[in-house]
Amino acid sequence: MTTLPPPATWTAFSILERSYLLARDNFAAFITITLISAAVSVVVDVLGVPLLAMIVNLLAGAATTICLTWGSLQAMAGRAPAWEPMLRQLQGPLAGRLLALGAFQWLLIGVSAFLVVPPFFLLPMWAVTIPAMMVERLDFGAAFQRSVDLTRYRRMAILGAFALWAVIFLVGATLIFALLGHGGLGRLVTIIYGAFAGTVLYPLPAILYVQLREEKEGATVQRMASALDA
């Protein structure tokens, strides 16, 4: 008979609050990374090539997740991350594999959105693939399986954290467009707002990974962060 784990000691609200506090305490470093990503996306969008924009945006999102996952793990272990070491993670030995993983994952989730229901299964199920690969040096398939295993029985709370962030972001974006319209200024302010909001979104995989491993395996965040130095 399968034994279910005990009830989670955290909620979607507590995860989002932890992400906000992490972003607040490391704001200068985090916002630098998200603004660089936003600037890259803006330049590509101006070119007016939809396919190129889609590919670059996928890679930019994956790159930002990699940088802020590394930075978030360092911060949770008590090490204040700077933006330059975070950005250098895109030159590390796992960078290519991590970029491919992130882009592939978000592409599948995006495509599944056309089917309405699947994103609600895929997003929480694959929520910690990138930190799992980064910390445990996993290959492509093993990272997906590790995320599936770690998130089991906790996916509703994980989905809730992402859903709460999405609602808050959409409310803010709606207010911006209501005040400034959908012209150039409105779009520019929304992009900047998205970079600010990204400082809370992109640490979520690292926070969830740490929370799940602490809860299910008794691992410490210091041990996880130390694995990044190996």
Protein backbone atom coordinates (compact mmCIF):
# COMPACT_ATOMS: atom_id res chain seq x y z
CA MET A 1 0.00 0.00 0.00
CA THR A 2 1.30 3.44 -0.94
CA THR A 3 1.94 5.73 2.03
CA LEU A 4 1.04 9.34 1.39
CA PRO A 5 3.41 12.03 2.68
CA PRO A 6 2.29 14.26 5.54
CA PRO A 7 0.44 17.49 4.75
CA ALA A 8 2.65 20.22 3.35
CA THR A 9 3.97 22.77 5.80
CA TRP A 10 3.73 25.48 3.15
CA THR A 11 1.05 26.98 0.94
CA ALA A 12 0.86 28.82 -2.36
CA PHE A 13 0.66 32.07 -0.41
CA SER A 14 3.74 31.31 1.69
CA ILE A 15 5.77 30.34 -1.40
CA LEU A 16 4.81 33.55 -3.17
CA GLU A 17 5.60 35.57 -0.05
CA ARG A 18 9.01 33.89 0.21
CA SER A 19 9.67 34.69 -3.44
CA TYR A 20 8.71 38.33 -2.90
CA LEU A 21 11.02 38.62 0.12
CA LEU A 22 13.86 36.98 -1.80
CA ALA A 23 13.35 39.43 -4.67
CA ARG A 24 13.16 42.38 -2.29
CA ASP A 25 16.35 41.44 -0.47
CA ASN A 26 18.28 40.87 -3.71
CA PHE A 27 16.48 43.38 -5.86
CA ALA A 28 19.44 45.12 -7.52
CA ALA A 29 20.95 41.87 -8.76
CA PHE A 30 17.63 40.28 -9.78
CA ILE A 31 16.24 43.32 -11.62
CA THR A 32 19.47 43.69 -13.59
CA ILE A 33 19.03 40.18 -14.98
CA THR A 34 15.33 40.58 -15.78
CA LEU A 35 15.91 43.97 -17.44
CA ILE A 36 18.64 42.50 -19.65
CA SER A 37 16.23 39.75 -20.69
CA ALA A 38 13.47 42.29 -21.35
CA ALA A 39 15.81 44.45 -23.44
CA VAL A 40 16.78 41.48 -25.61
CA SER A 41 13.11 40.62 -26.17
CA VAL A 42 12.26 44.23 -27.10
CA VAL A 43 15.07 44.44 -29.67
CA VAL A 44 13.98 41.19 -31.32
CA ASP A 45 10.29 42.17 -31.29
CA VAL A 46 11.15 45.42 -33.09
CA LEU A 47 12.58 43.39 -35.98
CA GLY A 48 9.08 42.14 -36.70
CA VAL A 49 9.98 38.48 -37.36
CA PRO A 50 7.47 36.44 -35.30
CA LEU A 51 9.31 33.10 -35.46
CA LEU A 52 12.62 34.67 -34.47
CA ALA A 53 10.91 36.58 -31.66
CA MET A 54 9.33 33.37 -30.34
CA ILE A 55 12.66 31.50 -30.34
CA VAL A 56 14.57 34.35 -28.70
CA ASN A 57 11.86 34.91 -26.09
CA LEU A 58 11.91 31.21 -25.19
CA LEU A 59 15.70 31.27 -24.83
CA ALA A 60 15.61 34.57 -22.91
CA GLY A 61 13.06 33.15 -20.48
CA ALA A 62 15.14 30.00 -20.01
CA ALA A 63 18.32 32.05 -19.53
CA THR A 64 16.65 34.26 -16.93
CA THR A 65 15.38 31.20 -15.07
CA ILE A 66 18.90 29.73 -15.03
CA CYS A 67 20.46 32.93 -13.71
CA LEU A 68 17.86 33.59 -11.03
CA THR A 69 17.69 29.93 -10.00
CA TRP A 70 21.41 30.01 -9.29
CA GLY A 71 21.11 33.38 -7.55
CA SER A 72 18.11 32.29 -5.49
CA LEU A 73 19.84 29.13 -4.27
CA GLN A 74 22.86 31.20 -3.27
CA ALA A 75 20.68 33.75 -1.48
CA MET A 76 18.69 31.11 0.41
CA ALA A 77 22.00 29.60 1.56
CA GLY A 78 23.02 32.96 3.00
CA ARG A 79 25.29 34.11 0.18
CA ALA A 80 24.37 37.46 -1.37
CA PRO A 81 24.40 36.97 -5.16
CA ALA A 82 25.61 39.68 -7.55
CA TRP A 83 24.27 40.00 -11.07
CA GLU A 84 27.59 39.27 -12.79
CA PRO A 85 28.10 35.78 -11.31
CA MET A 86 24.46 35.03 -12.09
CA LEU A 87 24.93 36.04 -15.71
CA ARG A 88 28.10 33.94 -15.94
CA GLN A 89 26.00 30.82 -15.37
CA LEU A 90 25.14 31.08 -19.05
CA GLN A 91 28.79 30.21 -19.78
CA GLY A 92 28.95 27.24 -17.42
CA PRO A 93 29.40 23.60 -18.47
CA LEU A 94 25.67 22.90 -18.08
CA ALA A 95 24.49 26.10 -19.76
CA GLY A 96 23.63 24.58 -23.14
CA ARG A 97 21.74 21.69 -21.60
CA LEU A 98 19.88 23.99 -19.21
CA LEU A 99 18.91 26.40 -22.01
CA ALA A 100 17.63 23.53 -24.14
CA LEU A 101 15.69 22.13 -21.19
CA GLY A 102 14.09 25.47 -20.31
CA ALA A 103 13.17 26.36 -23.89
CA PHE A 104 11.79 22.89 -24.64
CA GLN A 105 9.79 22.83 -21.42
CA TRP A 106 8.18 26.23 -21.92
CA LEU A 107 7.51 25.49 -25.59
CA LEU A 108 5.58 22.34 -24.68
CA ILE A 109 3.67 24.15 -21.95
CA GLY A 110 2.85 26.99 -24.34
CA VAL A 111 1.68 24.65 -27.10
CA SER A 112 -0.42 22.68 -24.64
CA ALA A 113 -2.23 25.91 -23.72
CA PHE A 114 -4.19 25.55 -26.94
CA LEU A 115 -5.70 22.40 -25.43
CA VAL A 116 -6.88 24.41 -22.39
CA VAL A 117 -6.36 21.76 -19.69
CA PRO A 118 -2.79 20.35 -20.10
CA PRO A 119 -0.86 23.44 -18.86
CA PHE A 120 -2.48 22.94 -15.47
CA PHE A 121 -0.85 19.52 -15.34
CA LEU A 122 2.48 20.25 -17.03
CA LEU A 123 3.42 23.49 -15.25
CA PRO A 124 3.34 22.15 -11.66
CA MET A 125 4.68 18.73 -12.72
CA TRP A 126 7.76 20.25 -14.39
CA ALA A 127 8.17 23.17 -11.99
CA VAL A 128 11.62 22.18 -10.69
CA THR A 129 13.36 20.68 -13.73
CA ILE A 130 15.97 23.44 -14.03
CA PRO A 131 17.10 23.50 -10.38
CA ALA A 132 17.11 19.68 -10.38
CA MET A 133 19.43 19.58 -13.40
CA MET A 134 21.58 22.41 -12.04
CA VAL A 135 22.09 21.02 -8.53
CA GLU A 136 22.12 17.29 -9.26
CA ARG A 137 23.86 17.40 -12.67
CA LEU A 138 21.09 15.39 -14.30
CA ASP A 139 20.61 14.71 -17.96
CA PHE A 140 17.56 15.86 -19.92
CA GLY A 141 15.18 12.98 -19.22
CA ALA A 142 16.30 12.52 -15.61
CA ALA A 143 15.58 16.19 -14.84
CA PHE A 144 11.99 15.82 -15.98
CA GLN A 145 11.56 12.61 -14.00
CA ARG A 146 13.13 14.15 -10.90
CA SER A 147 10.68 17.06 -11.10
CA VAL A 148 7.76 14.66 -11.52
CA ASP A 149 8.87 12.74 -8.41
CA LEU A 150 9.52 15.78 -6.23
CA THR A 151 6.28 17.56 -7.09
CA ARG A 152 4.05 14.52 -6.57
CA TYR A 153 1.25 15.25 -4.03
CA ARG A 154 2.19 18.94 -4.00
CA ARG A 155 1.11 20.07 -7.47
CA MET A 156 -2.06 21.92 -6.51
CA ALA A 157 -0.12 24.14 -4.12
CA ILE A 158 2.58 24.67 -6.76
CA LEU A 159 0.00 25.57 -9.38
CA GLY A 160 -1.60 27.92 -6.88
CA ALA A 161 1.67 29.83 -6.43
CA PHE A 162 2.05 30.38 -10.17
CA ALA A 163 -1.65 31.23 -10.53
CA LEU A 164 -1.46 33.83 -7.75
CA TRP A 165 1.52 35.45 -9.45
CA ALA A 166 -0.33 35.46 -12.79
CA VAL A 167 -3.40 37.12 -11.29
CA ILE A 168 -1.33 39.83 -9.58
CA PHE A 169 0.64 40.45 -12.78
CA LEU A 170 -2.49 40.65 -14.94
CA VAL A 171 -4.15 43.11 -12.56
CA GLY A 172 -1.10 45.37 -12.72
CA ALA A 173 -0.81 45.10 -16.52
CA THR A 174 -4.51 45.86 -16.92
CA LEU A 175 -4.18 49.00 -14.81
CA ILE A 176 -1.17 50.15 -16.86
CA PHE A 177 -3.04 49.74 -20.15
CA ALA A 178 -6.14 51.40 -18.69
CA LEU A 179 -4.09 54.44 -17.70
CA LEU A 180 -1.63 54.63 -20.62
CA GLY A 181 -3.40 52.81 -23.43
CA HIS A 182 -1.98 50.19 -25.77
CA GLY A 183 0.43 52.53 -27.56
CA GLY A 184 4.19 52.69 -27.34
CA LEU A 185 4.31 54.17 -23.84
CA GLY A 186 1.86 51.64 -22.46
CA ARG A 187 3.81 48.73 -23.94
CA LEU A 188 7.13 50.12 -22.68
CA VAL A 189 5.85 50.56 -19.13
CA THR A 190 4.33 47.07 -19.24
CA ILE A 191 7.68 45.59 -20.29
CA ILE A 192 9.42 47.35 -17.41
CA TYR A 193 6.65 46.22 -15.07
CA GLY A 194 7.14 42.67 -16.38
CA ALA A 195 10.84 42.85 -15.51
CA PHE A 196 9.95 43.91 -11.96
CA ALA A 197 7.36 41.14 -11.70
CA GLY A 198 9.91 38.67 -13.06
CA THR A 199 12.08 39.17 -9.98
CA VAL A 200 9.33 37.33 -8.10
CA LEU A 201 8.40 34.80 -10.81
CA TYR A 202 11.82 33.43 -11.75
CA PRO A 203 12.94 32.45 -8.22
CA LEU A 204 9.85 30.21 -7.82
CA PRO A 205 11.46 27.02 -9.24
CA ALA A 206 14.44 27.32 -6.88
CA ILE A 207 12.22 28.02 -3.86
CA LEU A 208 9.94 25.10 -4.68
CA TYR A 209 12.90 22.79 -5.27
CA VAL A 210 14.42 23.67 -1.91
CA GLN A 211 11.08 23.39 -0.12
CA LEU A 212 10.32 19.98 -1.65
CA ARG A 213 13.74 18.51 -0.95
CA GLU A 214 13.73 19.81 2.61
CA GLU A 215 10.27 18.38 3.17
CA LYS A 216 10.67 15.01 1.44
CA GLU A 217 14.37 14.24 1.86
CA GLY A 218 15.62 16.36 4.74
CA ALA A 219 18.19 18.03 2.50
CA THR A 220 19.48 21.48 3.46
CA VAL A 221 19.69 24.49 1.18
CA GLN A 222 23.35 24.92 2.16
CA ARG A 223 24.08 21.45 0.79
CA MET A 224 22.19 22.23 -2.41
CA ALA A 225 24.02 25.51 -2.91
CA SER A 226 27.35 23.82 -2.22
CA ALA A 227 26.67 21.40 -5.08
CA LEU A 228 26.72 24.40 -7.43
CA ASP A 229 30.40 24.93 -6.60
CA ALA A 230 31.38 21.40 -7.61
